[in-house]
Amino acid sequence: MCYEIASSIVMAMSTISARTRSRTHSPATADATGPGPGPGPAKSRARLDWRLRFGLLSLIWGFSFLLIKVGTEGYAPFQVTLGRLVFGTAVLVAAMAVKRERLPRGARLWGHMAVAAFLLNALPFSLFAYAELTIPSTLAGICNATSPLWGMALSLVALSEDRPSRVRVAGLGLGFLGVLTVLGVWQGFHGLDATGTAMALLASLSYPVGWIYVRRTLAGTGNSHLSMTGGQLLIATVQLAVVTPLFAGVPGHVALVPLLAVAALGALGTGLAVLIQYGLVAEVGPTTAQMVTYFIPVIATAAGVAILGESLRWTTPVGAVIVLAGAALTQVRGKGA
């Protein structure tokens, strides 16, 4: 998730599959980890080998949940979300200036982008920030990995052209079995904060809802993915700028380390991550690029345990493996898929 998975970037930028991003020609998301228009032809000269950029993207989005946790230690959740949106938007605006691209035009288009910004950025980013007040960053990262599962479940209803195969339906069931394993449902969710966990899962659900909306309303606009993404993040920033003073006020003091975490969450997790992601999709295709989804919870878990000292029950890694296996199966395309 970009910082959006940040959110967003996921996401994490999460999170929605890169295949959907390419097909819908829609703006990116963190957070997802919650987690734009289809990329053009890959450039013949790449500064870094795509494998290095793939690894960098995995690390950026994987560490986003740790950065959210650190940010909320010094600032209110809405303040963390606003900060990441500000820094993320600044990076994309700078990229647009370098490439001399303009923001999209048209009141109707901006209206649809406002809804997309809420569903793909403002809402999931805020939910993840609030969730991590009471749940470990490791659990938030794993919840973010359920986005493909929610996406397939919703596509059965909202996208009639997406006819799943038996393998994909089996993946859906397996994935949600993994979620129940992570939560330790047979133990009555012992040791887990129900509200925080529900917020993280709702944030992950928000991404596919947003992508389905984008697919129906913003496909084929003729604008570049960079301008669409920049416009979307700009609107999300305005949305949070209105909400934050009402519910969180102004920070009473400047907490340096949390501020640096928020800056990294925005500039790297959303801004830079989005640019890397679209470059990967253009160069190696959406199928390979979307594999980053399966590295994010692994890195988020490792970072939370190693750096933040978060505890890890056996149900967490076992459930995470089941979730990722199910998510992978839902992406299988073949006859009848």
Protein backbone atom coordinates (compact mmCIF):
# COMPACT_ATOMS: atom_id res chain seq x y z
CA MET A 1 0.00 0.00 0.00
CA CYS A 2 1.33 2.98 -0.85
CA TYR A 3 1.73 5.10 2.17
CA GLU A 4 -1.82 4.58 1.64
CA ILE A 5 -1.44 1.26 2.86
CA ALA A 6 0.57 2.94 3.98
CA SER A 7 -2.53 2.24 2.87
CA SER A 8 -1.33 3.69 0.57
CA ILE A 9 0.40 2.44 -0.81
CA VAL A 10 -1.97 -0.67 0.02
CA MET A 11 -2.07 -0.52 0.19
CA ALA A 12 -0.79 -0.98 0.24
CA MET A 13 -0.87 0.17 -0.90
CA SER A 14 -2.92 -1.96 -0.75
CA THR A 15 -4.77 -4.24 -1.04
CA ILE A 16 -6.26 -4.48 -4.94
CA SER A 17 -4.34 -6.54 -7.41
CA ALA A 18 -2.13 -4.83 -9.96
CA ARG A 19 -4.22 -6.57 -12.64
CA THR A 20 -7.26 -4.59 -11.58
CA ARG A 21 -5.27 -1.36 -11.53
CA SER A 22 -4.10 -1.91 -15.09
CA ARG A 23 -7.55 -2.94 -16.34
CA THR A 24 -9.41 -0.08 -14.71
CA HIS A 25 -6.95 2.66 -15.62
CA SER A 26 -7.54 4.07 -12.14
CA PRO A 27 -5.55 5.97 -9.54
CA ALA A 28 -3.44 4.09 -7.05
CA THR A 29 -3.85 3.53 -3.42
CA ALA A 30 -1.72 1.75 1.07
CA ASP A 31 -2.95 -0.14 3.63
CA ALA A 32 -3.51 -0.93 2.76
CA THR A 33 -1.78 -1.91 3.45
CA GLY A 34 -5.58 0.01 2.10
CA PRO A 35 -2.64 -0.55 -0.85
CA GLY A 36 -4.44 5.30 -12.18
CA PRO A 37 -5.02 4.92 -15.87
CA GLY A 38 -3.17 2.05 -17.38
CA PRO A 39 0.56 2.54 -17.71
CA GLY A 40 2.08 3.13 -21.07
CA PRO A 41 4.83 1.13 -22.77
CA ALA A 42 7.82 0.36 -20.62
CA LYS A 43 10.79 2.58 -21.17
CA SER A 44 13.79 0.91 -22.66
CA ARG A 45 16.11 2.34 -20.05
CA ALA A 46 15.42 1.57 -16.41
CA ARG A 47 17.55 3.09 -13.69
CA LEU A 48 17.30 -0.06 -11.59
CA ASP A 49 16.67 -3.67 -12.53
CA TRP A 50 12.98 -4.45 -12.02
CA ARG A 51 13.85 -7.08 -9.38
CA LEU A 52 15.52 -4.45 -7.24
CA ARG A 53 12.54 -2.14 -7.62
CA PHE A 54 10.21 -5.03 -6.79
CA GLY A 55 12.17 -5.69 -3.60
CA LEU A 56 12.21 -2.00 -2.72
CA LEU A 57 8.46 -1.73 -3.20
CA SER A 58 7.90 -4.78 -0.99
CA LEU A 59 10.02 -3.25 1.77
CA ILE A 60 8.36 0.16 1.54
CA TRP A 61 4.83 -1.21 1.75
CA GLY A 62 5.79 -3.86 4.30
CA PHE A 63 7.25 -1.26 6.65
CA SER A 64 4.25 1.05 6.24
CA PHE A 65 2.36 -0.61 9.09
CA LEU A 66 5.31 -0.11 11.42
CA LEU A 67 5.44 3.56 10.40
CA ILE A 68 1.73 3.95 11.14
CA LYS A 69 2.26 2.48 14.61
CA VAL A 70 5.18 4.83 15.32
CA GLY A 71 3.24 7.80 13.97
CA THR A 72 0.27 7.17 16.26
CA GLU A 73 2.60 7.21 19.27
CA GLY A 74 2.98 10.96 18.82
CA TYR A 75 -0.08 12.08 16.87
CA ALA A 76 -3.79 11.37 16.61
CA PRO A 77 -4.84 8.91 13.88
CA PHE A 78 -6.44 11.62 11.74
CA GLN A 79 -3.27 13.70 12.06
CA VAL A 80 -1.17 10.74 10.92
CA THR A 81 -3.43 10.20 7.93
CA LEU A 82 -3.43 13.87 6.97
CA GLY A 83 0.35 14.00 7.24
CA ARG A 84 0.88 10.99 5.04
CA LEU A 85 -1.52 12.38 2.45
CA VAL A 86 0.27 15.73 2.43
CA PHE A 87 3.70 14.16 1.94
CA GLY A 88 2.44 11.63 -0.59
CA THR A 89 0.63 14.25 -2.64
CA ALA A 90 3.72 16.46 -2.61
CA VAL A 91 5.79 13.70 -4.22
CA LEU A 92 3.23 13.10 -6.98
CA VAL A 93 2.77 16.80 -7.63
CA ALA A 94 6.55 17.12 -7.98
CA ALA A 95 6.56 14.18 -10.42
CA MET A 96 3.77 15.82 -12.41
CA ALA A 97 5.74 19.06 -12.56
CA VAL A 98 8.82 17.25 -13.83
CA LYS A 99 6.79 15.49 -16.52
CA ARG A 100 4.76 18.63 -17.22
CA GLU A 101 1.44 16.91 -16.66
CA ARG A 102 -1.75 18.67 -15.65
CA LEU A 103 -4.54 17.64 -13.33
CA PRO A 104 -7.66 16.14 -14.95
CA ARG A 105 -10.49 18.48 -15.91
CA GLY A 106 -14.26 18.23 -15.64
CA ALA A 107 -16.61 18.61 -12.68
CA ARG A 108 -18.16 15.17 -13.19
CA LEU A 109 -14.75 13.53 -13.31
CA TRP A 110 -13.65 15.28 -10.11
CA GLY A 111 -16.88 14.20 -8.44
CA HIS A 112 -16.12 10.54 -9.16
CA MET A 113 -12.52 11.07 -8.08
CA ALA A 114 -13.73 12.48 -4.76
CA VAL A 115 -15.62 9.25 -4.05
CA ALA A 116 -12.58 7.21 -5.09
CA ALA A 117 -10.33 9.31 -2.86
CA PHE A 118 -12.59 8.64 0.11
CA LEU A 119 -12.84 4.88 -0.48
CA LEU A 120 -9.24 4.27 -1.50
CA ASN A 121 -7.35 6.78 0.62
CA ALA A 122 -9.09 8.84 3.28
CA LEU A 123 -11.23 6.05 4.76
CA PRO A 124 -8.81 3.08 4.78
CA PHE A 125 -5.81 5.17 5.85
CA SER A 126 -7.77 6.57 8.78
CA LEU A 127 -9.16 3.17 9.76
CA PHE A 128 -5.71 1.58 9.78
CA ALA A 129 -4.35 4.44 11.89
CA TYR A 130 -7.17 4.06 14.42
CA ALA A 131 -6.85 0.26 14.35
CA GLU A 132 -3.17 0.39 15.27
CA LEU A 133 -3.96 2.24 18.45
CA THR A 134 -5.13 -1.09 19.85
CA ILE A 135 -3.78 -3.88 17.62
CA PRO A 136 -0.20 -4.80 16.62
CA SER A 137 1.17 -3.64 13.30
CA THR A 138 1.69 -7.30 12.44
CA LEU A 139 -2.04 -7.99 12.65
CA ALA A 140 -2.84 -4.85 10.64
CA GLY A 141 -0.49 -6.01 7.89
CA ILE A 142 -2.15 -9.41 7.73
CA CYS A 143 -5.63 -7.87 7.67
CA ASN A 144 -4.50 -5.77 4.72
CA ALA A 145 -3.71 -8.99 2.83
CA THR A 146 -7.42 -9.88 2.83
CA SER A 147 -8.20 -7.21 0.22
CA PRO A 148 -8.02 -9.66 -2.73
CA LEU A 149 -10.46 -11.93 -0.88
CA TRP A 150 -12.94 -9.11 -0.32
CA GLY A 151 -12.42 -8.05 -3.93
CA MET A 152 -13.35 -11.41 -5.34
CA ALA A 153 -16.35 -11.77 -3.02
CA LEU A 154 -17.64 -8.37 -4.13
CA SER A 155 -16.94 -9.04 -7.82
CA LEU A 156 -19.33 -11.99 -7.70
CA VAL A 157 -22.10 -9.49 -7.07
CA ALA A 158 -20.93 -6.24 -8.63
CA LEU A 159 -19.02 -7.39 -11.71
CA SER A 160 -21.06 -9.91 -13.67
CA GLU A 161 -18.31 -10.31 -16.27
CA ASP A 162 -15.96 -11.76 -13.65
CA ARG A 163 -17.00 -15.41 -13.55
CA PRO A 164 -14.84 -17.25 -11.02
CA SER A 165 -13.64 -20.80 -11.46
CA ARG A 166 -13.95 -23.45 -8.79
CA VAL A 167 -10.31 -22.91 -7.92
CA ARG A 168 -10.89 -19.22 -7.25
CA VAL A 169 -13.98 -19.92 -5.17
CA ALA A 170 -11.97 -22.47 -3.19
CA GLY A 171 -9.30 -19.80 -2.69
CA LEU A 172 -11.91 -17.44 -1.33
CA GLY A 173 -13.05 -19.99 1.24
CA LEU A 174 -9.48 -20.89 2.15
CA GLY A 175 -8.54 -17.25 2.58
CA PHE A 176 -11.33 -16.51 5.01
CA LEU A 177 -10.47 -19.70 6.90
CA GLY A 178 -7.02 -18.17 7.28
CA VAL A 179 -8.57 -15.00 8.68
CA LEU A 180 -10.41 -17.03 11.30
CA THR A 181 -7.14 -18.77 12.13
CA VAL A 182 -5.32 -15.47 12.60
CA LEU A 183 -8.09 -14.27 14.90
CA GLY A 184 -8.14 -17.55 16.84
CA VAL A 185 -11.91 -17.81 16.54
CA TRP A 186 -12.06 -21.14 18.40
CA GLN A 187 -10.51 -19.34 21.40
CA GLY A 188 -13.15 -16.63 21.37
CA PHE A 189 -10.74 -14.04 19.88
CA HIS A 190 -8.81 -14.15 23.15
CA GLY A 191 -6.21 -11.39 23.46
CA LEU A 192 -7.42 -9.44 20.42
CA ASP A 193 -9.09 -6.05 20.42
CA ALA A 194 -12.30 -6.63 18.49
CA THR A 195 -12.81 -2.98 17.55
CA GLY A 196 -9.28 -2.47 16.24
CA THR A 197 -9.35 -5.72 14.28
CA ALA A 198 -12.73 -4.86 12.78
CA MET A 199 -11.38 -1.45 11.69
CA ALA A 200 -8.41 -3.06 9.97
CA LEU A 201 -10.62 -5.54 8.14
CA LEU A 202 -13.03 -2.76 7.17
CA ALA A 203 -10.10 -0.77 5.79
CA SER A 204 -9.11 -3.78 3.69
CA LEU A 205 -12.69 -4.08 2.45
CA SER A 206 -12.74 -0.41 1.49
CA TYR A 207 -10.05 -0.93 -1.18
CA PRO A 208 -11.99 -3.36 -3.41
CA VAL A 209 -15.18 -1.33 -2.95
CA GLY A 210 -13.25 1.67 -4.20
CA TRP A 211 -11.72 -0.19 -7.11
CA ILE A 212 -15.07 -1.51 -8.26
CA TYR A 213 -16.41 2.04 -8.14
CA VAL A 214 -13.40 3.28 -10.11
CA ARG A 215 -13.79 0.53 -12.65
CA ARG A 216 -17.39 1.53 -13.26
CA THR A 217 -16.90 5.30 -13.35
CA LEU A 218 -13.33 6.27 -14.22
CA ALA A 219 -12.17 3.71 -16.77
CA GLY A 220 -11.03 5.14 -20.08
CA THR A 221 -10.95 8.82 -19.11
CA GLY A 222 -7.98 9.50 -21.34
CA ASN A 223 -5.92 10.96 -18.49
CA SER A 224 -2.58 9.54 -17.43
CA HIS A 225 -2.33 7.41 -14.31
CA LEU A 226 -0.02 10.02 -12.77
CA SER A 227 -2.47 12.90 -13.18
CA MET A 228 -5.40 10.77 -11.98
CA THR A 229 -3.49 9.55 -8.94
CA GLY A 230 -2.23 13.04 -8.15
CA GLY A 231 -5.74 14.42 -8.36
CA GLN A 232 -7.15 11.64 -6.22
CA LEU A 233 -4.59 12.16 -3.47
CA LEU A 234 -5.11 15.90 -3.61
CA ILE A 235 -8.83 15.45 -2.99
CA ALA A 236 -8.17 12.98 -0.17
CA THR A 237 -5.84 15.52 1.42
CA VAL A 238 -8.55 18.17 1.30
CA GLN A 239 -11.05 15.73 2.82
CA LEU A 240 -8.74 15.01 5.76
CA ALA A 241 -7.80 18.69 6.10
CA VAL A 242 -11.49 19.42 6.75
CA VAL A 243 -12.08 16.49 9.11
CA THR A 244 -8.88 16.51 11.16
CA PRO A 245 -9.29 19.88 12.94
CA LEU A 246 -12.83 18.92 13.93
CA PHE A 247 -11.91 15.59 15.56
CA ALA A 248 -8.20 15.85 16.40
CA GLY A 249 -7.40 19.54 16.60
CA VAL A 250 -3.83 20.79 16.24
CA PRO A 251 -0.88 18.86 17.76
CA GLY A 252 0.13 20.34 21.10
CA HIS A 253 3.81 19.65 20.45
CA VAL A 254 6.08 18.30 17.74
CA ALA A 255 7.13 14.70 18.30
CA LEU A 256 10.18 14.29 16.04
CA VAL A 257 10.37 10.51 15.58
CA PRO A 258 6.63 10.07 14.91
CA LEU A 259 6.80 13.04 12.52
CA LEU A 260 9.65 11.41 10.60
CA ALA A 261 7.63 8.19 10.48
CA VAL A 262 4.63 10.03 9.02
CA ALA A 263 6.85 11.78 6.48
CA ALA A 264 8.35 8.46 5.38
CA LEU A 265 4.89 6.89 5.31
CA GLY A 266 3.67 9.56 2.91
CA ALA A 267 6.70 10.33 0.76
CA LEU A 268 7.84 6.73 0.38
CA GLY A 269 4.78 4.59 1.12
CA THR A 270 2.47 6.50 -1.21
CA GLY A 271 4.35 8.90 -3.41
CA LEU A 272 7.44 6.91 -4.37
CA ALA A 273 5.69 3.53 -4.09
CA VAL A 274 3.01 4.53 -6.60
CA LEU A 275 5.64 5.62 -9.11
CA ILE A 276 7.60 2.38 -8.65
CA GLN A 277 4.47 0.27 -8.92
CA TYR A 278 3.32 1.68 -12.24
CA GLY A 279 6.83 1.35 -13.60
CA LEU A 280 6.79 -2.34 -12.69
CA VAL A 281 3.37 -2.92 -14.24
CA ALA A 282 4.54 -1.27 -17.44
CA GLU A 283 7.79 -3.25 -17.58
CA VAL A 284 6.95 -6.76 -16.36
CA GLY A 285 3.15 -6.79 -16.51
CA PRO A 286 0.46 -6.78 -13.83
CA THR A 287 0.69 -10.51 -13.02
CA THR A 288 4.31 -10.29 -11.90
CA ALA A 289 3.96 -6.84 -10.35
CA GLN A 290 1.01 -7.90 -8.18
CA MET A 291 3.14 -10.59 -6.51
CA VAL A 292 4.37 -7.84 -4.20
CA THR A 293 1.06 -8.32 -2.38
CA TYR A 294 2.28 -11.59 -0.90
CA PHE A 295 5.48 -10.14 0.52
CA ILE A 296 3.86 -7.24 2.37
CA PRO A 297 2.40 -9.16 5.37
CA VAL A 298 5.63 -11.14 5.74
CA ILE A 299 7.72 -7.99 5.94
CA ALA A 300 5.15 -6.23 8.15
CA THR A 301 5.23 -9.15 10.59
CA ALA A 302 9.02 -9.35 10.63
CA ALA A 303 9.33 -5.59 11.17
CA GLY A 304 6.75 -5.53 13.95
CA VAL A 305 8.38 -8.38 15.85
CA ALA A 306 12.03 -7.41 15.30
CA ILE A 307 11.80 -3.63 15.67
CA LEU A 308 8.71 -2.96 17.77
CA GLY A 309 9.01 -6.10 19.86
CA GLU A 310 5.43 -7.16 19.16
CA SER A 311 4.45 -10.62 20.35
CA LEU A 312 3.54 -13.31 17.86
CA ARG A 313 1.15 -16.16 18.57
CA TRP A 314 1.36 -19.31 16.46
CA THR A 315 -2.04 -18.54 14.95
CA THR A 316 -0.69 -15.36 13.34
CA PRO A 317 1.94 -16.81 10.96
CA VAL A 318 -0.07 -19.97 10.28
CA GLY A 319 -3.21 -17.99 9.51
CA ALA A 320 -1.22 -15.54 7.40
CA VAL A 321 0.12 -18.37 5.22
CA ILE A 322 -3.44 -19.67 4.72
CA VAL A 323 -4.70 -16.17 3.87
CA LEU A 324 -1.95 -15.65 1.30
CA ALA A 325 -2.54 -19.08 -0.23
CA GLY A 326 -6.23 -18.33 -0.56
CA ALA A 327 -5.54 -14.89 -2.01
CA ALA A 328 -3.17 -16.44 -4.55
CA LEU A 329 -5.81 -18.93 -5.65
CA THR A 330 -8.38 -16.16 -6.16
CA GLN A 331 -6.01 -14.61 -8.71
CA VAL A 332 -5.68 -17.79 -10.78
CA ARG A 333 -6.93 -17.21 -14.30
CA GLY A 334 -7.80 -20.11 -16.53
CA LYS A 335 -10.67 -21.78 -18.25
CA GLY A 336 -13.88 -20.75 -16.56
CA ALA A 337 -12.13 -18.11 -14.52
